[in-house]
Amino acid sequence: MEDKVLESVISEINYTFEKDVLVKPLEAVMVKKEVTEPELTGEKDEEGNDLYEQKTKVKEVESDFAKGIVLAIPISYNVMADELKTLKLGDTVVYNKRFAKDFDLYRDSQLVKSYDIVAIAK
């Protein structure tokens, strides 16, 4: 079933990519991080300015990394030696979302440099 869905999605892509991997981003990954924020103390200094205290809290925030499904692999990747190829269509990858670029010519997709892909999900 999944192969048929993947094939139908891939068949709709009317582009051949030169350098970047086309990825369908998945739902945002949330992580818990310690965040330091200023908090109003209710006191004022000699000049009448509000005083703040730094408080550290644990918050759930979006990860700096994102997961996505590989929809297209660049031509430059295909000319590599077979033993160096690890990426396949349909793989779930983890990439640095800061450097991903929305690809508005194909719905809900992003272009990711192959060197920004840090992991392939098992």
C-alpha atoms as a PDB file:
ATOM      1  CA  MET A   1       0.000   0.000   0.000  1.00  0.00           C
ATOM      2  CA  GLU A   2       2.674   2.519   1.027  1.00  0.00           C
ATOM      3  CA  ASP A   3       4.674   1.799  -2.142  1.00  0.00           C
ATOM      4  CA  LYS A   4       1.645   2.592  -4.316  1.00  0.00           C
ATOM      5  CA  VAL A   5       1.041   5.866  -2.466  1.00  0.00           C
ATOM      6  CA  LEU A   6       4.724   6.802  -2.745  1.00  0.00           C
ATOM      7  CA  GLU A   7       4.765   5.942  -6.454  1.00  0.00           C
ATOM      8  CA  SER A   8       1.659   8.030  -7.139  1.00  0.00           C
ATOM      9  CA  VAL A   9       3.143  11.025  -5.290  1.00  0.00           C
ATOM     10  CA  ILE A  10       6.517  10.714  -7.021  1.00  0.00           C
ATOM     11  CA  SER A  11       4.898  10.365 -10.455  1.00  0.00           C
ATOM     12  CA  GLU A  12       3.287  13.815  -9.983  1.00  0.00           C
ATOM     13  CA  ILE A  13       6.674  15.538  -9.630  1.00  0.00           C
ATOM     14  CA  ASN A  14       7.531  17.083 -12.989  1.00  0.00           C
ATOM     15  CA  TYR A  15      11.081  18.115 -12.124  1.00  0.00           C
ATOM     16  CA  THR A  16      14.533  16.585 -12.095  1.00  0.00           C
ATOM     17  CA  PHE A  17      16.634  18.005  -9.314  1.00  0.00           C
ATOM     18  CA  GLU A  18      20.272  18.964  -9.827  1.00  0.00           C
ATOM     19  CA  LYS A  19      21.617  19.505  -6.299  1.00  0.00           C
ATOM     20  CA  ASP A  20      18.955  19.263  -3.625  1.00  0.00           C
ATOM     21  CA  VAL A  21      16.810  16.507  -2.157  1.00  0.00           C
ATOM     22  CA  LEU A  22      13.043  17.094  -2.302  1.00  0.00           C
ATOM     23  CA  VAL A  23      11.471  16.261   1.059  1.00  0.00           C
ATOM     24  CA  LYS A  24       7.897  16.140   2.322  1.00  0.00           C
ATOM     25  CA  PRO A  25       8.164  17.499   5.887  1.00  0.00           C
ATOM     26  CA  LEU A  26       6.420  15.547   8.619  1.00  0.00           C
ATOM     27  CA  GLU A  27       4.802  16.927  11.765  1.00  0.00           C
ATOM     28  CA  ALA A  28       7.097  19.129  13.878  1.00  0.00           C
ATOM     29  CA  VAL A  29       9.211  17.317  16.474  1.00  0.00           C
ATOM     30  CA  MET A  30       8.761  18.758  19.958  1.00  0.00           C
ATOM     31  CA  VAL A  31      11.531  18.561  22.566  1.00  0.00           C
ATOM     32  CA  LYS A  32      11.874  19.737  26.154  1.00  0.00           C
ATOM     33  CA  LYS A  33      14.510  22.449  26.684  1.00  0.00           C
ATOM     34  CA  GLU A  34      15.537  24.686  29.522  1.00  0.00           C
ATOM     35  CA  VAL A  35      14.692  28.277  28.617  1.00  0.00           C
ATOM     36  CA  THR A  36      15.852  31.305  30.589  1.00  0.00           C
ATOM     37  CA  GLU A  37      13.371  34.190  30.568  1.00  0.00           C
ATOM     38  CA  PRO A  38      13.216  37.513  32.393  1.00  0.00           C
ATOM     39  CA  GLU A  39      10.432  37.697  34.947  1.00  0.00           C
ATOM     40  CA  LEU A  40       9.131  40.895  36.522  1.00  0.00           C
ATOM     41  CA  THR A  41       9.904  41.090  40.273  1.00  0.00           C
ATOM     42  CA  GLY A  42       7.443  43.873  41.086  1.00  0.00           C
ATOM     43  CA  GLU A  43      10.230  46.068  42.431  1.00  0.00           C
ATOM     44  CA  LYS A  44      11.725  49.228  40.950  1.00  0.00           C
ATOM     45  CA  ASP A  45      15.264  50.625  40.986  1.00  0.00           C
ATOM     46  CA  GLU A  46      16.292  54.159  42.049  1.00  0.00           C
ATOM     47  CA  GLU A  47      15.305  55.567  38.639  1.00  0.00           C
ATOM     48  CA  GLY A  48      11.853  53.964  38.680  1.00  0.00           C
ATOM     49  CA  ASN A  49      12.617  51.171  36.187  1.00  0.00           C
ATOM     50  CA  ASP A  50      11.088  47.738  36.714  1.00  0.00           C
ATOM     51  CA  LEU A  51      13.505  45.083  37.988  1.00  0.00           C
ATOM     52  CA  TYR A  52      13.620  41.650  36.386  1.00  0.00           C
ATOM     53  CA  GLU A  53      14.922  38.312  37.587  1.00  0.00           C
ATOM     54  CA  GLN A  54      16.168  35.537  35.281  1.00  0.00           C
ATOM     55  CA  LYS A  55      14.101  32.359  35.686  1.00  0.00           C
ATOM     56  CA  THR A  56      14.916  29.057  34.052  1.00  0.00           C
ATOM     57  CA  LYS A  57      11.956  26.915  33.032  1.00  0.00           C
ATOM     58  CA  VAL A  58      11.585  23.676  31.126  1.00  0.00           C
ATOM     59  CA  LYS A  59       9.422  24.248  28.055  1.00  0.00           C
ATOM     60  CA  GLU A  60       8.349  22.103  25.168  1.00  0.00           C
ATOM     61  CA  VAL A  61       9.594  23.744  21.964  1.00  0.00           C
ATOM     62  CA  GLU A  62      10.092  22.764  18.336  1.00  0.00           C
ATOM     63  CA  SER A  63      13.340  20.965  17.621  1.00  0.00           C
ATOM     64  CA  ASP A  64      16.017  22.573  15.447  1.00  0.00           C
ATOM     65  CA  PHE A  65      15.726  19.457  13.303  1.00  0.00           C
ATOM     66  CA  ALA A  66      12.816  18.143  11.262  1.00  0.00           C
ATOM     67  CA  LYS A  67      11.788  14.781   9.846  1.00  0.00           C
ATOM     68  CA  GLY A  68      10.671  14.297   6.274  1.00  0.00           C
ATOM     69  CA  ILE A  69      10.106  11.726   3.552  1.00  0.00           C
ATOM     70  CA  VAL A  70      12.411  11.753   0.523  1.00  0.00           C
ATOM     71  CA  LEU A  71      10.390  12.407  -2.653  1.00  0.00           C
ATOM     72  CA  ALA A  72      13.213  13.058  -5.134  1.00  0.00           C
ATOM     73  CA  ILE A  73      16.975  12.585  -5.162  1.00  0.00           C
ATOM     74  CA  PRO A  74      19.276  14.892  -7.152  1.00  0.00           C
ATOM     75  CA  ILE A  75      21.052  13.730 -10.302  1.00  0.00           C
ATOM     76  CA  SER A  76      24.451  14.356  -8.695  1.00  0.00           C
ATOM     77  CA  TYR A  77      23.599  11.759  -6.036  1.00  0.00           C
ATOM     78  CA  ASN A  78      22.729   9.154  -8.667  1.00  0.00           C
ATOM     79  CA  VAL A  79      26.190   9.279 -10.291  1.00  0.00           C
ATOM     80  CA  MET A  80      27.908   8.324  -7.016  1.00  0.00           C
ATOM     81  CA  ALA A  81      29.329   4.831  -6.535  1.00  0.00           C
ATOM     82  CA  ASP A  82      26.693   2.368  -5.329  1.00  0.00           C
ATOM     83  CA  GLU A  83      28.499   1.655  -2.046  1.00  0.00           C
ATOM     84  CA  LEU A  84      28.283   5.381  -1.146  1.00  0.00           C
ATOM     85  CA  LYS A  85      24.551   5.639  -1.766  1.00  0.00           C
ATOM     86  CA  THR A  86      22.489   5.353   1.410  1.00  0.00           C
ATOM     87  CA  LEU A  87      19.484   7.497   0.530  1.00  0.00           C
ATOM     88  CA  LYS A  88      16.429   6.015  -1.218  1.00  0.00           C
ATOM     89  CA  LEU A  89      13.049   7.358  -2.260  1.00  0.00           C
ATOM     90  CA  GLY A  90      10.582   6.996   0.590  1.00  0.00           C
ATOM     91  CA  ASP A  91      13.240   7.120   3.339  1.00  0.00           C
ATOM     92  CA  THR A  92      12.416   9.127   6.446  1.00  0.00           C
ATOM     93  CA  VAL A  93      15.291  11.531   7.081  1.00  0.00           C
ATOM     94  CA  VAL A  94      16.262  14.003   9.792  1.00  0.00           C
ATOM     95  CA  TYR A  95      17.591  17.349   8.575  1.00  0.00           C
ATOM     96  CA  ASN A  96      18.504  20.796   9.873  1.00  0.00           C
ATOM     97  CA  LYS A  97      15.309  22.742   9.216  1.00  0.00           C
ATOM     98  CA  ARG A  98      17.069  26.122   9.392  1.00  0.00           C
ATOM     99  CA  PHE A  99      18.631  25.519   5.975  1.00  0.00           C
ATOM    100  CA  ALA A 100      15.638  23.875   4.277  1.00  0.00           C
ATOM    101  CA  LYS A 101      13.929  25.943   1.591  1.00  0.00           C
ATOM    102  CA  ASP A 102      10.195  25.694   0.877  1.00  0.00           C
ATOM    103  CA  PHE A 103       9.655  24.489  -2.690  1.00  0.00           C
ATOM    104  CA  ASP A 104       6.415  26.195  -3.701  1.00  0.00           C
ATOM    105  CA  LEU A 105       6.299  24.565  -7.136  1.00  0.00           C
ATOM    106  CA  TYR A 106       5.226  21.302  -5.489  1.00  0.00           C
ATOM    107  CA  ARG A 107       2.760  21.301  -2.597  1.00  0.00           C
ATOM    108  CA  ASP A 108       4.038  20.992   0.972  1.00  0.00           C
ATOM    109  CA  SER A 109       7.635  20.193   0.075  1.00  0.00           C
ATOM    110  CA  GLN A 110      11.090  21.481   0.896  1.00  0.00           C
ATOM    111  CA  LEU A 111      14.486  21.407  -0.761  1.00  0.00           C
ATOM    112  CA  VAL A 112      17.285  20.144   1.478  1.00  0.00           C
ATOM    113  CA  LYS A 113      20.991  19.931   0.682  1.00  0.00           C
ATOM    114  CA  SER A 114      22.188  16.344   1.006  1.00  0.00           C
ATOM    115  CA  TYR A 115      24.856  17.424   3.504  1.00  0.00           C
ATOM    116  CA  ASP A 116      22.133  18.930   5.759  1.00  0.00           C
ATOM    117  CA  ILE A 117      20.597  15.464   6.166  1.00  0.00           C
ATOM    118  CA  VAL A 118      22.000  14.209   9.453  1.00  0.00           C
ATOM    119  CA  ALA A 119      20.251  10.843   9.798  1.00  0.00           C
ATOM    120  CA  ILE A 120      18.072   8.280   8.092  1.00  0.00           C
ATOM    121  CA  ALA A 121      15.405   6.721  10.319  1.00  0.00           C
ATOM    122  CA  LYS A 122      15.657   2.961  10.840  1.00  0.00           C
END
